[in-house]
Amino acid sequence: DGSYLVDGSVTLRDLNREFEWDLPDEEAVTIAGLILHESR
């Protein structure tokens, strides 16, 4: 369906690099960290 199953330990830099996304990586390193940071 165009979505991705991503392990929580996958780094944001790897995702941005692979898919040319622009997920912010200033406050978090991994996808799990980003969710924790944004959702509080």
ModelCIF file with pLDDT and N, C-alpha, C, O atoms, coordinates in Angstrom:
data_MODEL
#
_entry.id   MODEL 
#
_entity.id                         1 
_entity.type                       polymer 
_entity.pdbx_number_of_molecules   1 
#
_entity_poly.entity_id                      1 
_entity_poly.type                           'polypeptide(L)' 
_entity_poly.nstd_linkage                   no 
_entity_poly.nstd_monomer                   no 
_entity_poly.pdbx_seq_one_letter_code       DGSYLVDGSVTLRDLNREFEWDLPDEEAVTIAGLILHESR 
_entity_poly.pdbx_seq_one_letter_code_can   DGSYLVDGSVTLRDLNREFEWDLPDEEAVTIAGLILHESR 
_entity_poly.pdbx_strand_id                 A 
#
loop_
_entity_poly_seq.entity_id 
_entity_poly_seq.num 
_entity_poly_seq.mon_id 
_entity_poly_seq.hetero 
1 1  ASP n 
1 2  GLY n 
1 3  SER n 
1 4  TYR n 
1 5  LEU n 
1 6  VAL n 
1 7  ASP n 
1 8  GLY n 
1 9  SER n 
1 10 VAL n 
1 11 THR n 
1 12 LEU n 
1 13 ARG n 
1 14 ASP n 
1 15 LEU n 
1 16 ASN n 
1 17 ARG n 
1 18 GLU n 
1 19 PHE n 
1 20 GLU n 
1 21 TRP n 
1 22 ASP n 
1 23 LEU n 
1 24 PRO n 
1 25 ASP n 
1 26 GLU n 
1 27 GLU n 
1 28 ALA n 
1 29 VAL n 
1 30 THR n 
1 31 ILE n 
1 32 ALA n 
1 33 GLY n 
1 34 LEU n 
1 35 ILE n 
1 36 LEU n 
1 37 HIS n 
1 38 GLU n 
1 39 SER n 
1 40 ARG n 
#
_struct_asym.id          A 
_struct_asym.entity_id   1 
#
loop_
_ma_qa_metric.id 
_ma_qa_metric.mode 
_ma_qa_metric.name 
_ma_qa_metric.software_group_id 
_ma_qa_metric.type 
1 global pLDDT . pLDDT 
2 local  pLDDT . pLDDT 
#
_ma_qa_metric_global.metric_id      1 
_ma_qa_metric_global.metric_value   85.33 
_ma_qa_metric_global.model_id       1 
_ma_qa_metric_global.ordinal_id     1 
#
loop_
_ma_qa_metric_local.label_asym_id 
_ma_qa_metric_local.label_comp_id 
_ma_qa_metric_local.label_seq_id 
_ma_qa_metric_local.metric_id 
_ma_qa_metric_local.metric_value 
_ma_qa_metric_local.model_id 
_ma_qa_metric_local.ordinal_id 
A ASP 1  2 86.00 1 1  
A GLY 2  2 86.00 1 2  
A SER 3  2 90.00 1 3  
A TYR 4  2 91.00 1 4  
A LEU 5  2 91.00 1 5  
A VAL 6  2 91.00 1 6  
A ASP 7  2 90.00 1 7  
A GLY 8  2 88.00 1 8  
A SER 9  2 84.00 1 9  
A VAL 10 2 85.00 1 10 
A THR 11 2 83.00 1 11 
A LEU 12 2 84.00 1 12 
A ARG 13 2 78.00 1 13 
A ASP 14 2 78.00 1 14 
A LEU 15 2 84.00 1 15 
A ASN 16 2 81.00 1 16 
A ARG 17 2 74.00 1 17 
A GLU 18 2 76.00 1 18 
A PHE 19 2 81.00 1 19 
A GLU 20 2 77.00 1 20 
A TRP 21 2 85.00 1 21 
A ASP 22 2 84.00 1 22 
A LEU 23 2 88.00 1 23 
A PRO 24 2 87.00 1 24 
A ASP 25 2 80.00 1 25 
A GLU 26 2 78.00 1 26 
A GLU 27 2 81.00 1 27 
A ALA 28 2 84.00 1 28 
A VAL 29 2 82.00 1 29 
A THR 30 2 87.00 1 30 
A ILE 31 2 90.00 1 31 
A ALA 32 2 90.00 1 32 
A GLY 33 2 90.00 1 33 
A LEU 34 2 91.00 1 34 
A ILE 35 2 92.00 1 35 
A LEU 36 2 91.00 1 36 
A HIS 37 2 89.00 1 37 
A GLU 38 2 90.00 1 38 
A SER 39 2 88.00 1 39 
A ARG 40 2 88.00 1 40 
#
loop_
_atom_site.group_PDB 
_atom_site.id 
_atom_site.type_symbol 
_atom_site.label_atom_id 
_atom_site.label_alt_id 
_atom_site.label_comp_id 
_atom_site.label_asym_id 
_atom_site.label_entity_id 
_atom_site.label_seq_id 
_atom_site.pdbx_PDB_ins_code 
_atom_site.Cartn_x 
_atom_site.Cartn_y 
_atom_site.Cartn_z 
_atom_site.occupancy 
_atom_site.B_iso_or_equiv 
_atom_site.pdbx_formal_charge 
_atom_site.auth_seq_id 
_atom_site.auth_comp_id 
_atom_site.auth_asym_id 
_atom_site.auth_atom_id 
_atom_site.pdbx_PDB_model_num 
ATOM 1   N N  . ASP A 1 1  ? 0.807  -1.218 0.000  1.00 86.00 ? 1  ASP A N  1 
ATOM 2   C CA . ASP A 1 1  ? 0.000  0.000  0.000  1.00 86.00 ? 1  ASP A CA 1 
ATOM 3   C C  . ASP A 1 1  ? 0.845  1.275  0.000  1.00 86.00 ? 1  ASP A C  1 
ATOM 4   O O  . ASP A 1 1  ? 0.301  2.372  0.125  1.00 86.00 ? 1  ASP A O  1 
ATOM 5   N N  . GLY A 1 2  ? 2.159  1.145  -0.137 1.00 86.00 ? 2  GLY A N  1 
ATOM 6   C CA . GLY A 1 2  ? 3.028  2.313  -0.162 1.00 86.00 ? 2  GLY A CA 1 
ATOM 7   C C  . GLY A 1 2  ? 3.596  2.704  1.184  1.00 86.00 ? 2  GLY A C  1 
ATOM 8   O O  . GLY A 1 2  ? 4.387  3.643  1.272  1.00 86.00 ? 2  GLY A O  1 
ATOM 9   N N  . SER A 1 3  ? 3.207  2.000  2.237  1.00 90.00 ? 3  SER A N  1 
ATOM 10  C CA . SER A 1 3  ? 3.740  2.270  3.559  1.00 90.00 ? 3  SER A CA 1 
ATOM 11  C C  . SER A 1 3  ? 4.991  1.425  3.798  1.00 90.00 ? 3  SER A C  1 
ATOM 12  O O  . SER A 1 3  ? 5.384  0.614  2.959  1.00 90.00 ? 3  SER A O  1 
ATOM 13  N N  . TYR A 1 4  ? 5.609  1.638  4.970  1.00 91.00 ? 4  TYR A N  1 
ATOM 14  C CA . TYR A 1 4  ? 6.829  0.916  5.315  1.00 91.00 ? 4  TYR A CA 1 
ATOM 15  C C  . TYR A 1 4  ? 6.737  0.438  6.760  1.00 91.00 ? 4  TYR A C  1 
ATOM 16  O O  . TYR A 1 4  ? 6.299  1.181  7.639  1.00 91.00 ? 4  TYR A O  1 
ATOM 17  N N  . LEU A 1 5  ? 7.149  -0.799 7.001  1.00 91.00 ? 5  LEU A N  1 
ATOM 18  C CA . LEU A 1 5  ? 7.321  -1.290 8.359  1.00 91.00 ? 5  LEU A CA 1 
ATOM 19  C C  . LEU A 1 5  ? 8.771  -1.019 8.755  1.00 91.00 ? 5  LEU A C  1 
ATOM 20  O O  . LEU A 1 5  ? 9.701  -1.541 8.140  1.00 91.00 ? 5  LEU A O  1 
ATOM 21  N N  . VAL A 1 6  ? 8.950  -0.204 9.779  1.00 91.00 ? 6  VAL A N  1 
ATOM 22  C CA . VAL A 1 6  ? 10.276 0.267  10.157 1.00 91.00 ? 6  VAL A CA 1 
ATOM 23  C C  . VAL A 1 6  ? 10.560 -0.124 11.600 1.00 91.00 ? 6  VAL A C  1 
ATOM 24  O O  . VAL A 1 6  ? 9.745  0.124  12.489 1.00 91.00 ? 6  VAL A O  1 
ATOM 25  N N  . ASP A 1 7  ? 11.722 -0.736 11.832 1.00 90.00 ? 7  ASP A N  1 
ATOM 26  C CA . ASP A 1 7  ? 12.150 -1.020 13.194 1.00 90.00 ? 7  ASP A CA 1 
ATOM 27  C C  . ASP A 1 7  ? 12.410 0.285  13.937 1.00 90.00 ? 7  ASP A C  1 
ATOM 28  O O  . ASP A 1 7  ? 12.891 1.254  13.348 1.00 90.00 ? 7  ASP A O  1 
ATOM 29  N N  . GLY A 1 8  ? 12.096 0.310  15.212 1.00 88.00 ? 8  GLY A N  1 
ATOM 30  C CA . GLY A 1 8  ? 12.274 1.524  15.989 1.00 88.00 ? 8  GLY A CA 1 
ATOM 31  C C  . GLY A 1 8  ? 13.705 2.003  16.060 1.00 88.00 ? 8  GLY A C  1 
ATOM 32  O O  . GLY A 1 8  ? 13.947 3.189  16.285 1.00 88.00 ? 8  GLY A O  1 
ATOM 33  N N  . SER A 1 9  ? 14.673 1.098  15.871 1.00 84.00 ? 9  SER A N  1 
ATOM 34  C CA . SER A 1 9  ? 16.086 1.450  15.970 1.00 84.00 ? 9  SER A CA 1 
ATOM 35  C C  . SER A 1 9  ? 16.668 2.014  14.683 1.00 84.00 ? 9  SER A C  1 
ATOM 36  O O  . SER A 1 9  ? 17.821 2.445  14.672 1.00 84.00 ? 9  SER A O  1 
ATOM 37  N N  . VAL A 1 10 ? 15.904 2.023  13.601 1.00 85.00 ? 10 VAL A N  1 
ATOM 38  C CA . VAL A 1 10 ? 16.400 2.553  12.334 1.00 85.00 ? 10 VAL A CA 1 
ATOM 39  C C  . VAL A 1 10 ? 16.612 4.058  12.479 1.00 85.00 ? 10 VAL A C  1 
ATOM 40  O O  . VAL A 1 10 ? 15.741 4.764  12.987 1.00 85.00 ? 10 VAL A O  1 
ATOM 41  N N  . THR A 1 11 ? 17.761 4.545  12.035 1.00 83.00 ? 11 THR A N  1 
ATOM 42  C CA . THR A 1 11 ? 18.084 5.957  12.191 1.00 83.00 ? 11 THR A CA 1 
ATOM 43  C C  . THR A 1 11 ? 17.366 6.818  11.151 1.00 83.00 ? 11 THR A C  1 
ATOM 44  O O  . THR A 1 11 ? 17.093 6.387  10.031 1.00 83.00 ? 11 THR A O  1 
ATOM 45  N N  . LEU A 1 12 ? 17.076 8.032  11.560 1.00 84.00 ? 12 LEU A N  1 
ATOM 46  C CA . LEU A 1 12 ? 16.419 8.980  10.668 1.00 84.00 ? 12 LEU A CA 1 
ATOM 47  C C  . LEU A 1 12 ? 17.308 9.338  9.479  1.00 84.00 ? 12 LEU A C  1 
ATOM 48  O O  . LEU A 1 12 ? 16.814 9.556  8.373  1.00 84.00 ? 12 LEU A O  1 
ATOM 49  N N  . ARG A 1 13 ? 18.626 9.400  9.710  1.00 78.00 ? 13 ARG A N  1 
ATOM 50  C CA . ARG A 1 13 ? 19.544 9.717  8.623  1.00 78.00 ? 13 ARG A CA 1 
ATOM 51  C C  . ARG A 1 13 ? 19.505 8.645  7.548  1.00 78.00 ? 13 ARG A C  1 
ATOM 52  O O  . ARG A 1 13 ? 19.557 8.958  6.359  1.00 78.00 ? 13 ARG A O  1 
ATOM 53  N N  . ASP A 1 14 ? 19.414 7.377  7.955  1.00 78.00 ? 14 ASP A N  1 
ATOM 54  C CA . ASP A 1 14 ? 19.329 6.299  6.971  1.00 78.00 ? 14 ASP A CA 1 
ATOM 55  C C  . ASP A 1 14 ? 18.043 6.390  6.163  1.00 78.00 ? 14 ASP A C  1 
ATOM 56  O O  . ASP A 1 14 ? 18.056 6.177  4.951  1.00 78.00 ? 14 ASP A O  1 
ATOM 57  N N  . LEU A 1 15 ? 16.932 6.705  6.822  1.00 84.00 ? 15 LEU A N  1 
ATOM 58  C CA . LEU A 1 15 ? 15.663 6.846  6.115  1.00 84.00 ? 15 LEU A CA 1 
ATOM 59  C C  . LEU A 1 15 ? 15.701 8.023  5.144  1.00 84.00 ? 15 LEU A C  1 
ATOM 60  O O  . LEU A 1 15 ? 15.287 7.899  3.991  1.00 84.00 ? 15 LEU A O  1 
ATOM 61  N N  . ASN A 1 16 ? 16.199 9.161  5.616  1.00 81.00 ? 16 ASN A N  1 
ATOM 62  C CA . ASN A 1 16 ? 16.280 10.342 4.746  1.00 81.00 ? 16 ASN A CA 1 
ATOM 63  C C  . ASN A 1 16 ? 17.187 10.090 3.549  1.00 81.00 ? 16 ASN A C  1 
ATOM 64  O O  . ASN A 1 16 ? 16.921 10.539 2.434  1.00 81.00 ? 16 ASN A O  1 
ATOM 65  N N  . ARG A 1 17 ? 18.247 9.372  3.808  1.00 74.00 ? 17 ARG A N  1 
ATOM 66  C CA . ARG A 1 17 ? 19.208 9.109  2.744  1.00 74.00 ? 17 ARG A CA 1 
ATOM 67  C C  . ARG A 1 17 ? 18.652 8.136  1.713  1.00 74.00 ? 17 ARG A C  1 
ATOM 68  O O  . ARG A 1 17 ? 18.834 8.321  0.510  1.00 74.00 ? 17 ARG A O  1 
ATOM 69  N N  . GLU A 1 18 ? 17.977 7.107  2.191  1.00 76.00 ? 18 GLU A N  1 
ATOM 70  C CA . GLU A 1 18 ? 17.479 6.075  1.303  1.00 76.00 ? 18 GLU A CA 1 
ATOM 71  C C  . GLU A 1 18 ? 16.315 6.549  0.455  1.00 76.00 ? 18 GLU A C  1 
ATOM 72  O O  . GLU A 1 18 ? 16.245 6.264  -0.740 1.00 76.00 ? 18 GLU A O  1 
ATOM 73  N N  . PHE A 1 19 ? 15.388 7.287  1.094  1.00 81.00 ? 19 PHE A N  1 
ATOM 74  C CA . PHE A 1 19 ? 14.155 7.672  0.405  1.00 81.00 ? 19 PHE A CA 1 
ATOM 75  C C  . PHE A 1 19 ? 14.090 9.161  0.078  1.00 81.00 ? 19 PHE A C  1 
ATOM 76  O O  . PHE A 1 19 ? 13.086 9.637  -0.452 1.00 81.00 ? 19 PHE A O  1 
ATOM 77  N N  . GLU A 1 20 ? 15.179 9.915  0.399  1.00 77.00 ? 20 GLU A N  1 
ATOM 78  C CA . GLU A 1 20 ? 15.229 11.354 0.160  1.00 77.00 ? 20 GLU A CA 1 
ATOM 79  C C  . GLU A 1 20 ? 14.072 12.075 0.849  1.00 77.00 ? 20 GLU A C  1 
ATOM 80  O O  . GLU A 1 20 ? 13.457 12.983 0.289  1.00 77.00 ? 20 GLU A O  1 
ATOM 81  N N  . TRP A 1 21 ? 13.793 11.643 2.081  1.00 85.00 ? 21 TRP A N  1 
ATOM 82  C CA . TRP A 1 21 ? 12.815 12.329 2.911  1.00 85.00 ? 21 TRP A CA 1 
ATOM 83  C C  . TRP A 1 21 ? 13.507 13.466 3.652  1.00 85.00 ? 21 TRP A C  1 
ATOM 84  O O  . TRP A 1 21 ? 14.703 13.702 3.483  1.00 85.00 ? 21 TRP A O  1 
ATOM 85  N N  . ASP A 1 22 ? 12.745 14.152 4.459  1.00 84.00 ? 22 ASP A N  1 
ATOM 86  C CA . ASP A 1 22 ? 13.278 15.285 5.213  1.00 84.00 ? 22 ASP A CA 1 
ATOM 87  C C  . ASP A 1 22 ? 12.795 15.216 6.664  1.00 84.00 ? 22 ASP A C  1 
ATOM 88  O O  . ASP A 1 22 ? 12.371 16.222 7.234  1.00 84.00 ? 22 ASP A O  1 
ATOM 89  N N  . LEU A 1 23 ? 12.863 14.039 7.242  1.00 88.00 ? 23 LEU A N  1 
ATOM 90  C CA . LEU A 1 23 ? 12.499 13.895 8.649  1.00 88.00 ? 23 LEU A CA 1 
ATOM 91  C C  . LEU A 1 23 ? 13.546 14.589 9.511  1.00 88.00 ? 23 LEU A C  1 
ATOM 92  O O  . LEU A 1 23 ? 14.742 14.384 9.301  1.00 88.00 ? 23 LEU A O  1 
ATOM 93  N N  . PRO A 1 24 ? 13.128 15.407 10.476 1.00 87.00 ? 24 PRO A N  1 
ATOM 94  C CA . PRO A 1 24 ? 14.105 16.156 11.295 1.00 87.00 ? 24 PRO A CA 1 
ATOM 95  C C  . PRO A 1 24 ? 14.911 15.226 12.184 1.00 87.00 ? 24 PRO A C  1 
ATOM 96  O O  . PRO A 1 24 ? 14.341 14.374 12.866 1.00 87.00 ? 24 PRO A O  1 
ATOM 97  N N  . ASP A 1 25 ? 16.230 15.378 12.186 1.00 80.00 ? 25 ASP A N  1 
ATOM 98  C CA . ASP A 1 25 ? 17.101 14.548 13.001 1.00 80.00 ? 25 ASP A CA 1 
ATOM 99  C C  . ASP A 1 25 ? 17.924 15.357 13.987 1.00 80.00 ? 25 ASP A C  1 
ATOM 100 O O  . ASP A 1 25 ? 18.957 14.893 14.469 1.00 80.00 ? 25 ASP A O  1 
ATOM 101 N N  . GLU A 1 26 ? 17.466 16.574 14.290 1.00 78.00 ? 26 GLU A N  1 
ATOM 102 C CA . GLU A 1 26 ? 18.203 17.415 15.233 1.00 78.00 ? 26 GLU A CA 1 
ATOM 103 C C  . GLU A 1 26 ? 17.997 16.983 16.679 1.00 78.00 ? 26 GLU A C  1 
ATOM 104 O O  . GLU A 1 26 ? 18.934 17.023 17.477 1.00 78.00 ? 26 GLU A O  1 
ATOM 105 N N  . GLU A 1 27 ? 16.771 16.567 17.026 1.00 81.00 ? 27 GLU A N  1 
ATOM 106 C CA . GLU A 1 27 ? 16.439 16.231 18.404 1.00 81.00 ? 27 GLU A CA 1 
ATOM 107 C C  . GLU A 1 27 ? 16.377 14.735 18.659 1.00 81.00 ? 27 GLU A C  1 
ATOM 108 O O  . GLU A 1 27 ? 16.323 14.324 19.818 1.00 81.00 ? 27 GLU A O  1 
ATOM 109 N N  . ALA A 1 28 ? 16.383 13.913 17.635 1.00 84.00 ? 28 ALA A N  1 
ATOM 110 C CA . ALA A 1 28 ? 16.283 12.468 17.779 1.00 84.00 ? 28 ALA A CA 1 
ATOM 111 C C  . ALA A 1 28 ? 17.151 11.795 16.737 1.00 84.00 ? 28 ALA A C  1 
ATOM 112 O O  . ALA A 1 28 ? 17.405 12.352 15.668 1.00 84.00 ? 28 ALA A O  1 
ATOM 113 N N  . VAL A 1 29 ? 17.607 10.588 17.058 1.00 82.00 ? 29 VAL A N  1 
ATOM 114 C CA . VAL A 1 29 ? 18.473 9.840  16.158 1.00 82.00 ? 29 VAL A CA 1 
ATOM 115 C C  . VAL A 1 29 ? 17.694 8.774  15.409 1.00 82.00 ? 29 VAL A C  1 
ATOM 116 O O  . VAL A 1 29 ? 17.883 8.592  14.207 1.00 82.00 ? 29 VAL A O  1 
ATOM 117 N N  . THR A 1 30 ? 16.821 8.069  16.113 1.00 87.00 ? 30 THR A N  1 
ATOM 118 C CA . THR A 1 30 ? 16.074 6.963  15.522 1.00 87.00 ? 30 THR A CA 1 
ATOM 119 C C  . THR A 1 30 ? 14.618 7.347  15.292 1.00 87.00 ? 30 THR A C  1 
ATOM 120 O O  . THR A 1 30 ? 14.149 8.385  15.760 1.00 87.00 ? 30 THR A O  1 
ATOM 121 N N  . ILE A 1 31 ? 13.918 6.493  14.564 1.00 90.00 ? 31 ILE A N  1 
ATOM 122 C CA . ILE A 1 31 ? 12.499 6.730  14.309 1.00 90.00 ? 31 ILE A CA 1 
ATOM 123 C C  . ILE A 1 31 ? 11.704 6.646  15.609 1.00 90.00 ? 31 ILE A C  1 
ATOM 124 O O  . ILE A 1 31 ? 10.737 7.386  15.791 1.00 90.00 ? 31 ILE A O  1 
ATOM 125 N N  . ALA A 1 32 ? 12.104 5.747  16.519 1.00 90.00 ? 32 ALA A N  1 
ATOM 126 C CA . ALA A 1 32 ? 11.448 5.656  17.818 1.00 90.00 ? 32 ALA A CA 1 
ATOM 127 C C  . ALA A 1 32 ? 11.689 6.921  18.627 1.00 90.00 ? 32 ALA A C  1 
ATOM 128 O O  . ALA A 1 32 ? 10.776 7.427  19.280 1.00 90.00 ? 32 ALA A O  1 
ATOM 129 N N  . GLY A 1 33 ? 12.909 7.431  18.586 1.00 90.00 ? 33 GLY A N  1 
ATOM 130 C CA . GLY A 1 33 ? 13.217 8.665  19.306 1.00 90.00 ? 33 GLY A CA 1 
ATOM 131 C C  . GLY A 1 33 ? 12.428 9.847  18.786 1.00 90.00 ? 33 GLY A C  1 
ATOM 132 O O  . GLY A 1 33 ? 12.017 10.709 19.563 1.00 90.00 ? 33 GLY A O  1 
ATOM 133 N N  . LEU A 1 34 ? 12.211 9.900  17.480 1.00 91.00 ? 34 LEU A N  1 
ATOM 134 C CA . LEU A 1 34 ? 11.434 10.989 16.901 1.00 91.00 ? 34 LEU A CA 1 
ATOM 135 C C  . LEU A 1 34 ? 9.994  10.957 17.403 1.00 91.00 ? 34 LEU A C  1 
ATOM 136 O O  . LEU A 1 34 ? 9.425  11.996 17.739 1.00 91.00 ? 34 LEU A O  1 
ATOM 137 N N  . ILE A 1 35 ? 9.408  9.762  17.452 1.00 92.00 ? 35 ILE A N  1 
ATOM 138 C CA . ILE A 1 35 ? 8.031  9.639  17.933 1.00 92.00 ? 35 ILE A CA 1 
ATOM 139 C C  . ILE A 1 35 ? 7.930  10.065 19.391 1.00 92.00 ? 35 ILE A C  1 
ATOM 140 O O  . ILE A 1 35 ? 6.997  10.775 19.766 1.00 92.00 ? 35 ILE A O  1 
ATOM 141 N N  . LEU A 1 36 ? 8.877  9.639  20.212 1.00 91.00 ? 36 LEU A N  1 
ATOM 142 C CA . LEU A 1 36 ? 8.872  10.020 21.622 1.00 91.00 ? 36 LEU A CA 1 
ATOM 143 C C  . LEU A 1 36 ? 9.030  11.523 21.783 1.00 91.00 ? 36 LEU A C  1 
ATOM 144 O O  . LEU A 1 36 ? 8.365  12.135 22.619 1.00 91.00 ? 36 LEU A O  1 
ATOM 145 N N  . HIS A 1 37 ? 9.908  12.115 20.987 1.00 89.00 ? 37 HIS A N  1 
ATOM 146 C CA . HIS A 1 37 ? 10.151 13.555 21.076 1.00 89.00 ? 37 HIS A CA 1 
ATOM 147 C C  . HIS A 1 37 ? 8.923  14.357 20.663 1.00 89.00 ? 37 HIS A C  1 
ATOM 148 O O  . HIS A 1 37 ? 8.559  15.330 21.322 1.00 89.00 ? 37 HIS A O  1 
ATOM 149 N N  . GLU A 1 38 ? 8.293  13.947 19.582 1.00 90.00 ? 38 GLU A N  1 
ATOM 150 C CA . GLU A 1 38 ? 7.164  14.710 19.064 1.00 90.00 ? 38 GLU A CA 1 
ATOM 151 C C  . GLU A 1 38 ? 5.892  14.482 19.875 1.00 90.00 ? 38 GLU A C  1 
ATOM 152 O O  . GLU A 1 38 ? 5.132  15.423 20.105 1.00 90.00 ? 38 GLU A O  1 
ATOM 153 N N  . SER A 1 39 ? 5.655  13.266 20.304 1.00 88.00 ? 39 SER A N  1 
ATOM 154 C CA . SER A 1 39 ? 4.413  12.961 21.013 1.00 88.00 ? 39 SER A CA 1 
ATOM 155 C C  . SER A 1 39 ? 4.472  13.287 22.500 1.00 88.00 ? 39 SER A C  1 
ATOM 156 O O  . SER A 1 39 ? 3.438  13.458 23.145 1.00 88.00 ? 39 SER A O  1 
ATOM 157 N N  . ARG A 1 40 ? 5.708  13.375 23.051 1.00 88.00 ? 40 ARG A N  1 
ATOM 158 C CA . ARG A 1 40 ? 5.879  13.654 24.481 1.00 88.00 ? 40 ARG A CA 1 
ATOM 159 C C  . ARG A 1 40 ? 5.199  12.605 25.344 1.00 88.00 ? 40 ARG A C  1 
ATOM 160 O O  . ARG A 1 40 ? 5.246  12.690 26.571 1.00 88.00 ? 40 ARG A O  1 
#
